[in-house]
Amino acid sequence: MSSAAPGHLGAVIELGGTHVTAALADPGTATVARTVRRPLDTRGRAEHILGAVVRCATDLAAPEGLVWGVAVPGPFDHDKGIARFEGVGKFDDLYGIDVRAVLLDGVWPRPAHAVFLNDAHAFLLGEWRAGAAHGHERCAGITLGTGVGSAFLVDGDLRREGPGIPPQGRIDLVHVGGRPLEDSVSRRALLARYGDLAADVSDIAERARAGERRARDVLDGAFTMLGAVLAPRLRDFGATVLVVGGAMAASWDLLRPALRAGLGDTPVTLRAAGLGEHAALVGAAAYAAAES
């Protein structure tokens, strides 16, 4: 991936599980100049979801004629800009829609083009630019939230196949005990295992910190298992650092020991994300700059 010169602001969009963010980001300095955020009902109708995205991007008032970088979770045809969400509990009503055409027709001032990449890929690109993966030639990243995202990077280039890399570069496609990984490690999986007394994973984490054994066992079990799943893949890939982001990374004090235990003696440095919510924005801007 080519380097972007400092002072080059790129327009980006990030679709999240609860909101959409539009921003002007400088991939050369790994800074974000301006952001606009809107709530998003990912289970809503397509016109409501896309309407919110277009309004958010238009409110940014980016200069005309930019190549926009769009970070979006899978399943999605990132090359064609077409949604492929089906049976994943979010964005399902977007299935088959040409999201690129919607953005190019609806956002004002008009973009010149829009390029799409997986949100976990955008996250790791940002962290490689100026965050926790900076200075590492071979790095891996995972995002932990409503699901599990993953990315593998060699000297700034995204890799979707090769030794240690799961199918399509997606660790969520891996099965553990005959079941998808996200049946064990995801927001819904952790809440289901703990029971109905917690509103969110952060509540389980608070109870674990307070000494509740059941809460600690739920978190330790999930993240130790995740580390064991990642360990042989990281060794085969040759990663020297694993960067962890997403909402669950806020519980790093609980997550790290369990994940490290699962990784065992795998020779990889384990780090929490350094750029926070800016990582995917910076990464999407870097990707768009390289595609311009």
C-alpha atoms as a PDB file:
ATOM      1  CA  MET A   1       0.000   0.000   0.000  1.00  0.00           C
ATOM      2  CA  SER A   2       1.363   3.395  -0.945  1.00  0.00           C
ATOM      3  CA  SER A   3       1.843   6.056   1.707  1.00  0.00           C
ATOM      4  CA  ALA A   4      -0.388   9.103   1.753  1.00  0.00           C
ATOM      5  CA  ALA A   5       1.330  12.438   2.111  1.00  0.00           C
ATOM      6  CA  PRO A   6       0.525  14.400   5.276  1.00  0.00           C
ATOM      7  CA  GLY A   7      -2.151  17.034   4.747  1.00  0.00           C
ATOM      8  CA  HIS A   8      -4.247  14.877   2.422  1.00  0.00           C
ATOM      9  CA  LEU A   9      -7.728  14.667   3.923  1.00  0.00           C
ATOM     10  CA  GLY A  10      -9.883  11.771   2.826  1.00  0.00           C
ATOM     11  CA  ALA A  11     -13.632  11.323   3.255  1.00  0.00           C
ATOM     12  CA  VAL A  12     -14.704   8.114   4.948  1.00  0.00           C
ATOM     13  CA  ILE A  13     -17.765   6.308   6.251  1.00  0.00           C
ATOM     14  CA  GLU A  14     -17.851   3.602   8.917  1.00  0.00           C
ATOM     15  CA  LEU A  15     -20.963   1.471   9.401  1.00  0.00           C
ATOM     16  CA  GLY A  16     -21.207   0.144  12.932  1.00  0.00           C
ATOM     17  CA  GLY A  17     -23.663  -1.977  14.830  1.00  0.00           C
ATOM     18  CA  THR A  18     -25.483   1.012  16.338  1.00  0.00           C
ATOM     19  CA  HIS A  19     -24.355   4.059  14.370  1.00  0.00           C
ATOM     20  CA  VAL A  20     -22.836   5.395  11.173  1.00  0.00           C
ATOM     21  CA  THR A  21     -19.882   7.778  11.216  1.00  0.00           C
ATOM     22  CA  ALA A  22     -18.661  10.055   8.419  1.00  0.00           C
ATOM     23  CA  ALA A  23     -15.314  11.762   8.795  1.00  0.00           C
ATOM     24  CA  LEU A  24     -12.492  13.651   7.181  1.00  0.00           C
ATOM     25  CA  ALA A  25      -9.296  11.796   8.043  1.00  0.00           C
ATOM     26  CA  ASP A  26      -5.634  12.307   7.145  1.00  0.00           C
ATOM     27  CA  PRO A  27      -3.968   8.910   6.620  1.00  0.00           C
ATOM     28  CA  GLY A  28      -0.552  10.555   6.422  1.00  0.00           C
ATOM     29  CA  THR A  29      -0.708  11.878   9.976  1.00  0.00           C
ATOM     30  CA  ALA A  30      -3.307   9.363  11.228  1.00  0.00           C
ATOM     31  CA  THR A  31      -5.556  12.144  12.454  1.00  0.00           C
ATOM     32  CA  VAL A  32      -9.276  12.790  12.137  1.00  0.00           C
ATOM     33  CA  ALA A  33     -10.252  16.379  11.400  1.00  0.00           C
ATOM     34  CA  ARG A  34     -14.025  16.226  11.581  1.00  0.00           C
ATOM     35  CA  THR A  35     -16.696  13.646  12.317  1.00  0.00           C
ATOM     36  CA  VAL A  36     -20.465  13.371  11.993  1.00  0.00           C
ATOM     37  CA  ARG A  37     -22.328  10.519  13.689  1.00  0.00           C
ATOM     38  CA  ARG A  38     -25.904   9.323  13.405  1.00  0.00           C
ATOM     39  CA  PRO A  39     -27.735   6.470  15.150  1.00  0.00           C
ATOM     40  CA  LEU A  40     -28.489   3.467  12.981  1.00  0.00           C
ATOM     41  CA  ASP A  41     -31.189   0.826  13.317  1.00  0.00           C
ATOM     42  CA  THR A  42     -29.424  -2.086  11.651  1.00  0.00           C
ATOM     43  CA  ARG A  43     -32.616  -4.164  11.755  1.00  0.00           C
ATOM     44  CA  GLY A  44     -34.626  -1.475   9.987  1.00  0.00           C
ATOM     45  CA  ARG A  45     -35.803  -1.086   6.418  1.00  0.00           C
ATOM     46  CA  ALA A  46     -33.231  -0.463   3.709  1.00  0.00           C
ATOM     47  CA  GLU A  47     -34.518   3.025   2.940  1.00  0.00           C
ATOM     48  CA  HIS A  48     -34.139   4.058   6.577  1.00  0.00           C
ATOM     49  CA  ILE A  49     -30.640   2.617   6.921  1.00  0.00           C
ATOM     50  CA  LEU A  50     -29.347   4.064   3.659  1.00  0.00           C
ATOM     51  CA  GLY A  51     -31.147   7.342   4.274  1.00  0.00           C
ATOM     52  CA  ALA A  52     -29.292   7.736   7.560  1.00  0.00           C
ATOM     53  CA  VAL A  53     -25.976   6.904   5.888  1.00  0.00           C
ATOM     54  CA  VAL A  54     -26.498   9.386   3.043  1.00  0.00           C
ATOM     55  CA  ARG A  55     -27.602  12.155   5.435  1.00  0.00           C
ATOM     56  CA  CYS A  56     -24.600  11.540   7.676  1.00  0.00           C
ATOM     57  CA  ALA A  57     -22.180  11.697   4.734  1.00  0.00           C
ATOM     58  CA  THR A  58     -23.866  14.813   3.323  1.00  0.00           C
ATOM     59  CA  ASP A  59     -23.732  16.566   6.710  1.00  0.00           C
ATOM     60  CA  LEU A  60     -19.956  16.123   6.638  1.00  0.00           C
ATOM     61  CA  ALA A  61     -19.849  18.585   3.700  1.00  0.00           C
ATOM     62  CA  ALA A  62     -16.692  17.025   2.255  1.00  0.00           C
ATOM     63  CA  PRO A  63     -15.118  18.601  -0.818  1.00  0.00           C
ATOM     64  CA  GLU A  64     -16.571  17.512  -4.147  1.00  0.00           C
ATOM     65  CA  GLY A  65     -14.816  14.863  -6.221  1.00  0.00           C
ATOM     66  CA  LEU A  66     -13.171  12.814  -3.490  1.00  0.00           C
ATOM     67  CA  VAL A  67     -12.784   9.042  -3.480  1.00  0.00           C
ATOM     68  CA  TRP A  68     -14.616   7.968  -0.335  1.00  0.00           C
ATOM     69  CA  GLY A  69     -13.449   5.002   1.740  1.00  0.00           C
ATOM     70  CA  VAL A  70     -16.271   2.991   3.274  1.00  0.00           C
ATOM     71  CA  ALA A  71     -15.621   0.533   6.125  1.00  0.00           C
ATOM     72  CA  VAL A  72     -18.451  -1.960   6.390  1.00  0.00           C
ATOM     73  CA  PRO A  73     -18.790  -5.368   8.066  1.00  0.00           C
ATOM     74  CA  GLY A  74     -19.367  -8.567   6.121  1.00  0.00           C
ATOM     75  CA  PRO A  75     -20.857 -10.377   4.433  1.00  0.00           C
ATOM     76  CA  PHE A  76     -20.457  -7.739   1.740  1.00  0.00           C
ATOM     77  CA  ASP A  77     -19.093  -7.726  -1.807  1.00  0.00           C
ATOM     78  CA  HIS A  78     -16.509  -5.043  -1.160  1.00  0.00           C
ATOM     79  CA  ASP A  79     -15.206  -5.012  -4.733  1.00  0.00           C
ATOM     80  CA  LYS A  80     -18.649  -4.351  -6.249  1.00  0.00           C
ATOM     81  CA  GLY A  81     -20.109  -2.396  -3.341  1.00  0.00           C
ATOM     82  CA  ILE A  82     -23.103  -4.727  -3.018  1.00  0.00           C
ATOM     83  CA  ALA A  83     -24.567  -5.827   0.324  1.00  0.00           C
ATOM     84  CA  ARG A  84     -24.721  -9.578   0.959  1.00  0.00           C
ATOM     85  CA  PHE A  85     -26.083  -9.563   4.514  1.00  0.00           C
ATOM     86  CA  GLU A  86     -28.342 -12.538   5.087  1.00  0.00           C
ATOM     87  CA  GLY A  87     -29.346 -14.177   8.335  1.00  0.00           C
ATOM     88  CA  VAL A  88     -26.802 -12.227  10.390  1.00  0.00           C
ATOM     89  CA  GLY A  89     -29.286 -10.184  12.403  1.00  0.00           C
ATOM     90  CA  LYS A  90     -28.230  -6.807  11.029  1.00  0.00           C
ATOM     91  CA  PHE A  91     -28.507  -4.985   7.701  1.00  0.00           C
ATOM     92  CA  ASP A  92     -30.514  -7.929   6.331  1.00  0.00           C
ATOM     93  CA  ASP A  93     -32.850  -5.636   4.384  1.00  0.00           C
ATOM     94  CA  LEU A  94     -29.889  -4.327   2.369  1.00  0.00           C
ATOM     95  CA  TYR A  95     -29.311  -7.685   0.670  1.00  0.00           C
ATOM     96  CA  GLY A  96     -28.521  -7.253  -3.032  1.00  0.00           C
ATOM     97  CA  ILE A  97     -28.491  -3.453  -2.943  1.00  0.00           C
ATOM     98  CA  ASP A  98     -25.728  -1.582  -4.768  1.00  0.00           C
ATOM     99  CA  VAL A  99     -24.631   0.595  -1.876  1.00  0.00           C
ATOM    100  CA  ARG A 100     -21.957   2.284  -3.972  1.00  0.00           C
ATOM    101  CA  ALA A 101     -24.581   3.541  -6.440  1.00  0.00           C
ATOM    102  CA  VAL A 102     -26.725   4.830  -3.567  1.00  0.00           C
ATOM    103  CA  LEU A 103     -23.816   6.821  -2.151  1.00  0.00           C
ATOM    104  CA  LEU A 104     -22.674   8.221  -5.481  1.00  0.00           C
ATOM    105  CA  ASP A 105     -26.223   9.303  -6.341  1.00  0.00           C
ATOM    106  CA  GLY A 106     -27.246  10.566  -2.904  1.00  0.00           C
ATOM    107  CA  VAL A 107     -24.267  12.187  -1.160  1.00  0.00           C
ATOM    108  CA  TRP A 108     -23.715  15.894  -1.707  1.00  0.00           C
ATOM    109  CA  PRO A 109     -21.262  17.355  -2.656  1.00  0.00           C
ATOM    110  CA  ARG A 110     -20.837  14.461  -5.076  1.00  0.00           C
ATOM    111  CA  PRO A 111     -18.045  11.911  -4.523  1.00  0.00           C
ATOM    112  CA  ALA A 112     -15.937  10.879  -7.511  1.00  0.00           C
ATOM    113  CA  HIS A 113     -16.034   7.241  -6.427  1.00  0.00           C
ATOM    114  CA  ALA A 114     -16.450   5.036  -3.355  1.00  0.00           C
ATOM    115  CA  VAL A 115     -14.281   2.075  -2.381  1.00  0.00           C
ATOM    116  CA  PHE A 116     -15.279  -0.477   0.243  1.00  0.00           C
ATOM    117  CA  LEU A 117     -13.305  -2.554   2.702  1.00  0.00           C
ATOM    118  CA  ASN A 118     -14.104  -4.754   5.648  1.00  0.00           C
ATOM    119  CA  ASP A 119     -14.332  -2.800   8.891  1.00  0.00           C
ATOM    120  CA  ALA A 120     -11.801  -5.067  10.646  1.00  0.00           C
ATOM    121  CA  HIS A 121      -9.374  -4.511   7.755  1.00  0.00           C
ATOM    122  CA  ALA A 122      -9.833  -0.756   8.094  1.00  0.00           C
ATOM    123  CA  PHE A 123      -9.205  -1.059  11.832  1.00  0.00           C
ATOM    124  CA  LEU A 124      -5.894  -2.880  11.404  1.00  0.00           C
ATOM    125  CA  LEU A 125      -4.734  -0.563   8.619  1.00  0.00           C
ATOM    126  CA  GLY A 126      -5.270   2.385  10.940  1.00  0.00           C
ATOM    127  CA  GLU A 127      -3.451   0.674  13.795  1.00  0.00           C
ATOM    128  CA  TRP A 128      -0.566  -0.206  11.468  1.00  0.00           C
ATOM    129  CA  ARG A 129      -0.326   3.408  10.335  1.00  0.00           C
ATOM    130  CA  ALA A 130       0.074   4.937  13.765  1.00  0.00           C
ATOM    131  CA  GLY A 131      -1.354   2.692  16.455  1.00  0.00           C
ATOM    132  CA  ALA A 132      -0.558  -0.534  18.255  1.00  0.00           C
ATOM    133  CA  ALA A 133       0.710  -2.330  15.121  1.00  0.00           C
ATOM    134  CA  HIS A 134       3.022   0.479  14.004  1.00  0.00           C
ATOM    135  CA  GLY A 135       6.494  -0.797  13.141  1.00  0.00           C
ATOM    136  CA  HIS A 136       5.435  -4.428  12.672  1.00  0.00           C
ATOM    137  CA  GLU A 137       5.828  -6.005   9.242  1.00  0.00           C
ATOM    138  CA  ARG A 138       3.432  -8.902   9.854  1.00  0.00           C
ATOM    139  CA  CYS A 139       0.472  -8.153  12.077  1.00  0.00           C
ATOM    140  CA  ALA A 140      -2.980  -9.481  12.842  1.00  0.00           C
ATOM    141  CA  GLY A 141      -6.007  -7.797  14.334  1.00  0.00           C
ATOM    142  CA  ILE A 142      -9.336  -8.838  15.779  1.00  0.00           C
ATOM    143  CA  THR A 143     -12.369  -6.763  16.642  1.00  0.00           C
ATOM    144  CA  LEU A 144     -14.703  -7.978  19.362  1.00  0.00           C
ATOM    145  CA  GLY A 145     -18.246  -6.647  19.478  1.00  0.00           C
ATOM    146  CA  THR A 146     -21.515  -7.918  18.084  1.00  0.00           C
ATOM    147  CA  GLY A 147     -19.317 -10.406  16.209  1.00  0.00           C
ATOM    148  CA  VAL A 148     -15.636 -11.216  15.696  1.00  0.00           C
ATOM    149  CA  GLY A 149     -13.768  -9.471  12.902  1.00  0.00           C
ATOM    150  CA  SER A 150     -10.227 -10.230  11.768  1.00  0.00           C
ATOM    151  CA  ALA A 151      -7.490  -8.889   9.534  1.00  0.00           C
ATOM    152  CA  PHE A 152      -3.996  -9.934   8.451  1.00  0.00           C
ATOM    153  CA  LEU A 153      -1.459  -7.447   7.154  1.00  0.00           C
ATOM    154  CA  VAL A 154       2.024  -7.753   5.618  1.00  0.00           C
ATOM    155  CA  ASP A 155       3.913  -4.475   5.362  1.00  0.00           C
ATOM    156  CA  GLY A 156       0.640  -2.566   4.962  1.00  0.00           C
ATOM    157  CA  ASP A 157      -0.925  -4.933   2.436  1.00  0.00           C
ATOM    158  CA  LEU A 158      -4.089  -6.804   3.393  1.00  0.00           C
ATOM    159  CA  ARG A 159      -3.930 -10.583   2.978  1.00  0.00           C
ATOM    160  CA  ARG A 160      -7.019 -12.766   2.528  1.00  0.00           C
ATOM    161  CA  GLU A 161      -5.241 -16.057   1.859  1.00  0.00           C
ATOM    162  CA  GLY A 162      -1.994 -17.786   2.706  1.00  0.00           C
ATOM    163  CA  PRO A 163      -0.468 -19.753   5.605  1.00  0.00           C
ATOM    164  CA  GLY A 164      -2.412 -19.267   8.830  1.00  0.00           C
ATOM    165  CA  ILE A 165      -5.096 -17.075   7.262  1.00  0.00           C
ATOM    166  CA  PRO A 166      -8.669 -18.373   7.645  1.00  0.00           C
ATOM    167  CA  PRO A 167     -11.043 -18.529   4.642  1.00  0.00           C
ATOM    168  CA  GLN A 168     -11.428 -15.031   3.124  1.00  0.00           C
ATOM    169  CA  GLY A 169      -9.312 -13.761   6.022  1.00  0.00           C
ATOM    170  CA  ARG A 170     -12.374 -14.136   8.278  1.00  0.00           C
ATOM    171  CA  ILE A 171     -11.905 -15.834  11.627  1.00  0.00           C
ATOM    172  CA  ASP A 172     -15.696 -15.801  12.094  1.00  0.00           C
ATOM    173  CA  LEU A 173     -15.930 -18.495   9.392  1.00  0.00           C
ATOM    174  CA  VAL A 174     -13.931 -20.893  11.567  1.00  0.00           C
ATOM    175  CA  HIS A 175     -15.900 -23.610  13.387  1.00  0.00           C
ATOM    176  CA  VAL A 176     -15.144 -24.771  16.923  1.00  0.00           C
ATOM    177  CA  GLY A 177     -16.647 -28.040  18.068  1.00  0.00           C
ATOM    178  CA  GLY A 178     -18.791 -28.119  14.940  1.00  0.00           C
ATOM    179  CA  ARG A 179     -20.278 -24.679  15.580  1.00  0.00           C
ATOM    180  CA  PRO A 180     -19.384 -21.205  14.255  1.00  0.00           C
ATOM    181  CA  LEU A 181     -16.843 -19.326  16.366  1.00  0.00           C
ATOM    182  CA  GLU A 182     -19.347 -16.544  17.034  1.00  0.00           C
ATOM    183  CA  ASP A 183     -21.558 -19.042  18.876  1.00  0.00           C
ATOM    184  CA  SER A 184     -18.860 -18.912  21.557  1.00  0.00           C
ATOM    185  CA  VAL A 185     -17.287 -15.463  21.219  1.00  0.00           C
ATOM    186  CA  SER A 186     -19.656 -12.586  20.469  1.00  0.00           C
ATOM    187  CA  ARG A 187     -21.927 -10.274  22.407  1.00  0.00           C
ATOM    188  CA  ARG A 188     -24.928 -12.582  22.020  1.00  0.00           C
ATOM    189  CA  ALA A 189     -22.896 -15.672  22.954  1.00  0.00           C
ATOM    190  CA  LEU A 190     -21.532 -14.149  26.151  1.00  0.00           C
ATOM    191  CA  LEU A 191     -24.932 -12.819  27.221  1.00  0.00           C
ATOM    192  CA  ALA A 192     -26.563 -16.177  26.508  1.00  0.00           C
ATOM    193  CA  ARG A 193     -23.946 -18.063  28.512  1.00  0.00           C
ATOM    194  CA  TYR A 194     -24.166 -15.681  31.456  1.00  0.00           C
ATOM    195  CA  GLY A 195     -27.955 -15.533  31.528  1.00  0.00           C
ATOM    196  CA  ASP A 196     -30.496 -12.741  31.411  1.00  0.00           C
ATOM    197  CA  LEU A 197     -29.234 -10.718  34.375  1.00  0.00           C
ATOM    198  CA  ALA A 198     -26.767  -8.653  32.321  1.00  0.00           C
ATOM    199  CA  ALA A 199     -27.748  -5.897  29.934  1.00  0.00           C
ATOM    200  CA  ASP A 200     -24.439  -6.039  28.091  1.00  0.00           C
ATOM    201  CA  VAL A 201     -20.954  -7.504  28.174  1.00  0.00           C
ATOM    202  CA  SER A 202     -19.752  -4.455  30.105  1.00  0.00           C
ATOM    203  CA  ASP A 203     -22.091  -5.463  32.938  1.00  0.00           C
ATOM    204  CA  ILE A 204     -20.593  -8.962  33.006  1.00  0.00           C
ATOM    205  CA  ALA A 205     -17.136  -7.362  33.123  1.00  0.00           C
ATOM    206  CA  GLU A 206     -18.094  -5.143  36.071  1.00  0.00           C
ATOM    207  CA  ARG A 207     -19.397  -8.153  37.979  1.00  0.00           C
ATOM    208  CA  ALA A 208     -16.211 -10.070  37.219  1.00  0.00           C
ATOM    209  CA  ARG A 209     -14.139  -7.191  38.600  1.00  0.00           C
ATOM    210  CA  ALA A 210     -16.335  -7.191  41.696  1.00  0.00           C
ATOM    211  CA  GLY A 211     -15.396 -10.821  42.286  1.00  0.00           C
ATOM    212  CA  GLU A 212     -18.360 -12.717  40.860  1.00  0.00           C
ATOM    213  CA  ARG A 213     -17.054 -16.128  39.824  1.00  0.00           C
ATOM    214  CA  ARG A 214     -19.740 -16.890  37.232  1.00  0.00           C
ATOM    215  CA  ALA A 215     -19.028 -13.651  35.358  1.00  0.00           C
ATOM    216  CA  ARG A 216     -15.285 -14.283  35.414  1.00  0.00           C
ATOM    217  CA  ASP A 217     -15.725 -17.869  34.216  1.00  0.00           C
ATOM    218  CA  VAL A 218     -17.855 -16.746  31.251  1.00  0.00           C
ATOM    219  CA  LEU A 219     -15.245 -14.229  30.113  1.00  0.00           C
ATOM    220  CA  ASP A 220     -12.241 -16.455  30.817  1.00  0.00           C
ATOM    221  CA  GLY A 221     -13.793 -19.382  28.966  1.00  0.00           C
ATOM    222  CA  ALA A 222     -14.648 -17.392  25.848  1.00  0.00           C
ATOM    223  CA  PHE A 223     -11.364 -15.538  25.477  1.00  0.00           C
ATOM    224  CA  THR A 224      -9.123 -18.452  26.396  1.00  0.00           C
ATOM    225  CA  MET A 225     -10.879 -20.458  23.704  1.00  0.00           C
ATOM    226  CA  LEU A 226     -10.423 -17.587  21.225  1.00  0.00           C
ATOM    227  CA  GLY A 227      -6.703 -17.489  21.995  1.00  0.00           C
ATOM    228  CA  ALA A 228      -6.436 -21.248  21.389  1.00  0.00           C
ATOM    229  CA  VAL A 229      -8.186 -20.849  18.021  1.00  0.00           C
ATOM    230  CA  LEU A 230      -5.894 -18.009  16.996  1.00  0.00           C
ATOM    231  CA  ALA A 231      -2.613 -19.503  18.238  1.00  0.00           C
ATOM    232  CA  PRO A 232      -1.768 -21.928  15.381  1.00  0.00           C
ATOM    233  CA  ARG A 233      -2.926 -19.427  12.779  1.00  0.00           C
ATOM    234  CA  LEU A 234      -0.770 -16.631  14.163  1.00  0.00           C
ATOM    235  CA  ARG A 235       2.248 -18.937  14.259  1.00  0.00           C
ATOM    236  CA  ASP A 236       1.717 -20.077  10.665  1.00  0.00           C
ATOM    237  CA  PHE A 237       1.174 -16.512   9.491  1.00  0.00           C
ATOM    238  CA  GLY A 238       4.233 -15.270  11.360  1.00  0.00           C
ATOM    239  CA  ALA A 239       2.489 -12.388  13.096  1.00  0.00           C
ATOM    240  CA  THR A 240       4.647 -10.496  15.586  1.00  0.00           C
ATOM    241  CA  VAL A 241       1.734  -8.530  17.055  1.00  0.00           C
ATOM    242  CA  LEU A 242      -1.982  -9.160  17.607  1.00  0.00           C
ATOM    243  CA  VAL A 243      -4.048  -5.994  18.069  1.00  0.00           C
ATOM    244  CA  VAL A 244      -7.444  -6.230  19.729  1.00  0.00           C
ATOM    245  CA  GLY A 245     -10.184  -3.653  19.233  1.00  0.00           C
ATOM    246  CA  GLY A 246     -13.947  -3.335  19.346  1.00  0.00           C
ATOM    247  CA  ALA A 247     -16.314  -2.635  22.217  1.00  0.00           C
ATOM    248  CA  MET A 248     -15.098  -5.577  24.311  1.00  0.00           C
ATOM    249  CA  ALA A 249     -11.533  -4.249  24.285  1.00  0.00           C
ATOM    250  CA  ALA A 250     -12.731  -1.770  26.910  1.00  0.00           C
ATOM    251  CA  SER A 251     -12.476  -4.742  29.303  1.00  0.00           C
ATOM    252  CA  TRP A 252      -8.797  -5.276  28.435  1.00  0.00           C
ATOM    253  CA  ASP A 253      -7.851  -5.942  32.068  1.00  0.00           C
ATOM    254  CA  LEU A 254     -10.062  -9.051  31.963  1.00  0.00           C
ATOM    255  CA  LEU A 255      -9.684  -9.987  28.307  1.00  0.00           C
ATOM    256  CA  ARG A 256      -5.893  -9.907  28.037  1.00  0.00           C
ATOM    257  CA  PRO A 257      -4.980 -12.565  30.646  1.00  0.00           C
ATOM    258  CA  ALA A 258      -7.507 -15.042  29.240  1.00  0.00           C
ATOM    259  CA  LEU A 259      -6.499 -14.409  25.637  1.00  0.00           C
ATOM    260  CA  ARG A 260      -2.809 -14.721  26.575  1.00  0.00           C
ATOM    261  CA  ALA A 261      -3.508 -18.017  28.335  1.00  0.00           C
ATOM    262  CA  GLY A 262      -5.176 -19.365  25.203  1.00  0.00           C
ATOM    263  CA  LEU A 263      -2.294 -18.208  23.005  1.00  0.00           C
ATOM    264  CA  GLY A 264       0.129 -20.137  25.219  1.00  0.00           C
ATOM    265  CA  ASP A 265       3.734 -19.808  24.068  1.00  0.00           C
ATOM    266  CA  THR A 266       2.816 -18.327  20.676  1.00  0.00           C
ATOM    267  CA  PRO A 267       5.572 -15.727  20.035  1.00  0.00           C
ATOM    268  CA  VAL A 268       3.276 -12.762  19.433  1.00  0.00           C
ATOM    269  CA  THR A 269       2.951  -9.438  21.250  1.00  0.00           C
ATOM    270  CA  LEU A 270      -0.599  -8.811  22.462  1.00  0.00           C
ATOM    271  CA  ARG A 271      -1.831  -5.211  22.426  1.00  0.00           C
ATOM    272  CA  ALA A 272      -5.043  -3.275  22.832  1.00  0.00           C
ATOM    273  CA  ALA A 273      -5.925  -0.850  20.046  1.00  0.00           C
ATOM    274  CA  GLY A 274      -4.130   2.464  20.298  1.00  0.00           C
ATOM    275  CA  LEU A 275      -6.297   4.711  18.105  1.00  0.00           C
ATOM    276  CA  GLY A 276      -9.671   3.807  19.567  1.00  0.00           C
ATOM    277  CA  GLU A 277     -12.646   4.667  17.379  1.00  0.00           C
ATOM    278  CA  HIS A 278     -10.377   6.557  14.968  1.00  0.00           C
ATOM    279  CA  ALA A 279      -8.530   3.423  13.790  1.00  0.00           C
ATOM    280  CA  ALA A 280     -11.064   2.326  11.150  1.00  0.00           C
ATOM    281  CA  LEU A 281     -11.528   5.902   9.930  1.00  0.00           C
ATOM    282  CA  VAL A 282      -7.789   6.357   9.382  1.00  0.00           C
ATOM    283  CA  GLY A 283      -7.546   2.928   7.760  1.00  0.00           C
ATOM    284  CA  ALA A 284     -10.438   3.618   5.379  1.00  0.00           C
ATOM    285  CA  ALA A 285      -8.825   6.925   4.391  1.00  0.00           C
ATOM    286  CA  ALA A 286      -5.514   5.166   3.716  1.00  0.00           C
ATOM    287  CA  TYR A 287      -7.250   2.553   1.596  1.00  0.00           C
ATOM    288  CA  ALA A 288      -9.120   5.187  -0.418  1.00  0.00           C
ATOM    289  CA  ALA A 289      -5.900   7.163  -0.961  1.00  0.00           C
ATOM    290  CA  ALA A 290      -4.188   4.043  -2.326  1.00  0.00           C
ATOM    291  CA  GLU A 291      -7.144   3.397  -4.672  1.00  0.00           C
ATOM    292  CA  SER A 292      -7.327   6.985  -5.950  1.00  0.00           C
END
